Amino acid sequence: MKRFSVGQKWVNEAALYGTVLGEVIEINNQGRQGTVVITDDRGNVLDTFSGSAVTFQASGEWQLIDE
């Protein structure tokens, strides 16, 4: 199981929006839950996700960006 950490970045290739990026801005429960701001490749905010790391990954086949 993955956990969130502040500043963590995720990527998803969405059919409607193209490349979509997510950045964790807040964590709770020792990283098991968090808030992710979701943007397009131009930095426009599309959505915000709040919930568990497991649910986030499963929600759109998000991939963690290795830094």
C-alpha atoms as a PDB file:
ATOM      1  CA  MET A   1       0.000   0.000   0.000  1.00  0.00           C
ATOM      2  CA  LYS A   2       1.336   3.401  -0.941  1.00  0.00           C
ATOM      3  CA  ARG A   3       1.089   6.407   1.306  1.00  0.00           C
ATOM      4  CA  PHE A   4       0.866  10.055   0.451  1.00  0.00           C
ATOM      5  CA  SER A   5       3.536  12.584   1.323  1.00  0.00           C
ATOM      6  CA  VAL A   6       3.297  16.340   0.858  1.00  0.00           C
ATOM      7  CA  GLY A   7       4.739  17.365  -2.520  1.00  0.00           C
ATOM      8  CA  GLN A   8       4.356  13.891  -4.000  1.00  0.00           C
ATOM      9  CA  LYS A   9       3.515  14.062  -7.723  1.00  0.00           C
ATOM     10  CA  TRP A  10       1.322  11.751  -9.786  1.00  0.00           C
ATOM     11  CA  VAL A  11       0.493  11.482 -13.494  1.00  0.00           C
ATOM     12  CA  ASN A  12      -2.431  10.032 -15.429  1.00  0.00           C
ATOM     13  CA  GLU A  13      -3.153   9.935 -19.153  1.00  0.00           C
ATOM     14  CA  ALA A  14      -6.834  10.927 -19.344  1.00  0.00           C
ATOM     15  CA  ALA A  15      -8.757  10.476 -22.603  1.00  0.00           C
ATOM     16  CA  LEU A  16     -10.622  13.774 -22.225  1.00  0.00           C
ATOM     17  CA  TYR A  17      -7.846  15.988 -20.821  1.00  0.00           C
ATOM     18  CA  GLY A  18      -4.615  14.364 -22.019  1.00  0.00           C
ATOM     19  CA  THR A  19      -1.847  14.358 -19.438  1.00  0.00           C
ATOM     20  CA  VAL A  20      -3.234  15.098 -15.987  1.00  0.00           C
ATOM     21  CA  LEU A  21      -1.023  15.812 -12.986  1.00  0.00           C
ATOM     22  CA  GLY A  22      -1.739  15.479  -9.286  1.00  0.00           C
ATOM     23  CA  GLU A  23       0.204  16.955  -6.378  1.00  0.00           C
ATOM     24  CA  VAL A  24      -0.368  16.043  -2.733  1.00  0.00           C
ATOM     25  CA  ILE A  25      -0.856  19.228  -0.709  1.00  0.00           C
ATOM     26  CA  GLU A  26      -1.999  17.788   2.631  1.00  0.00           C
ATOM     27  CA  ILE A  27      -1.844  14.443   4.442  1.00  0.00           C
ATOM     28  CA  ASN A  28      -3.717  12.841   7.341  1.00  0.00           C
ATOM     29  CA  ASN A  29      -3.558   9.505   9.148  1.00  0.00           C
ATOM     30  CA  GLN A  30       0.216   9.184   8.731  1.00  0.00           C
ATOM     31  CA  GLY A  31      -0.088   9.538   4.954  1.00  0.00           C
ATOM     32  CA  ARG A  32      -2.861   7.005   4.470  1.00  0.00           C
ATOM     33  CA  GLN A  33      -5.188   9.834   3.423  1.00  0.00           C
ATOM     34  CA  GLY A  34      -4.606  13.174   1.804  1.00  0.00           C
ATOM     35  CA  THR A  35      -5.665  15.967  -0.492  1.00  0.00           C
ATOM     36  CA  VAL A  36      -4.451  16.084  -4.091  1.00  0.00           C
ATOM     37  CA  VAL A  37      -4.816  19.039  -6.465  1.00  0.00           C
ATOM     38  CA  ILE A  38      -5.355  17.784 -10.017  1.00  0.00           C
ATOM     39  CA  THR A  39      -4.212  19.988 -12.919  1.00  0.00           C
ATOM     40  CA  ASP A  40      -3.835  19.774 -16.682  1.00  0.00           C
ATOM     41  CA  ASP A  41      -0.406  20.060 -18.318  1.00  0.00           C
ATOM     42  CA  ARG A  42      -0.776  23.865 -18.396  1.00  0.00           C
ATOM     43  CA  GLY A  43      -1.310  24.140 -14.637  1.00  0.00           C
ATOM     44  CA  ASN A  44      -5.067  24.768 -14.765  1.00  0.00           C
ATOM     45  CA  VAL A  45      -6.824  23.254 -11.749  1.00  0.00           C
ATOM     46  CA  LEU A  46      -9.316  20.604 -12.888  1.00  0.00           C
ATOM     47  CA  ASP A  47     -10.319  18.996  -9.599  1.00  0.00           C
ATOM     48  CA  THR A  48      -9.326  18.175  -6.043  1.00  0.00           C
ATOM     49  CA  PHE A  49      -9.266  14.689  -4.531  1.00  0.00           C
ATOM     50  CA  SER A  50      -9.579  14.019  -0.793  1.00  0.00           C
ATOM     51  CA  GLY A  51      -9.342  10.447   0.442  1.00  0.00           C
ATOM     52  CA  SER A  52      -7.081   7.440   0.761  1.00  0.00           C
ATOM     53  CA  ALA A  53      -3.946   6.856  -1.299  1.00  0.00           C
ATOM     54  CA  VAL A  54      -5.264   3.444  -2.346  1.00  0.00           C
ATOM     55  CA  THR A  55      -8.557   4.901  -3.604  1.00  0.00           C
ATOM     56  CA  PHE A  56      -6.721   7.684  -5.450  1.00  0.00           C
ATOM     57  CA  GLN A  57      -4.474   5.255  -7.305  1.00  0.00           C
ATOM     58  CA  ALA A  58      -7.391   3.015  -8.238  1.00  0.00           C
ATOM     59  CA  SER A  59      -9.617   5.933  -9.292  1.00  0.00           C
ATOM     60  CA  GLY A  60      -7.780   6.634 -12.513  1.00  0.00           C
ATOM     61  CA  GLU A  61      -4.735   4.434 -12.762  1.00  0.00           C
ATOM     62  CA  TRP A  62      -2.482   7.134 -11.397  1.00  0.00           C
ATOM     63  CA  GLN A  63       1.267   6.536 -11.551  1.00  0.00           C
ATOM     64  CA  LEU A  64       3.691   7.983  -9.012  1.00  0.00           C
ATOM     65  CA  ILE A  65       6.313  10.190 -10.677  1.00  0.00           C
ATOM     66  CA  ASP A  66       9.786   9.104  -9.567  1.00  0.00           C
ATOM     67  CA  GLU A  67      11.852  12.041  -8.455  1.00  0.00           C
END
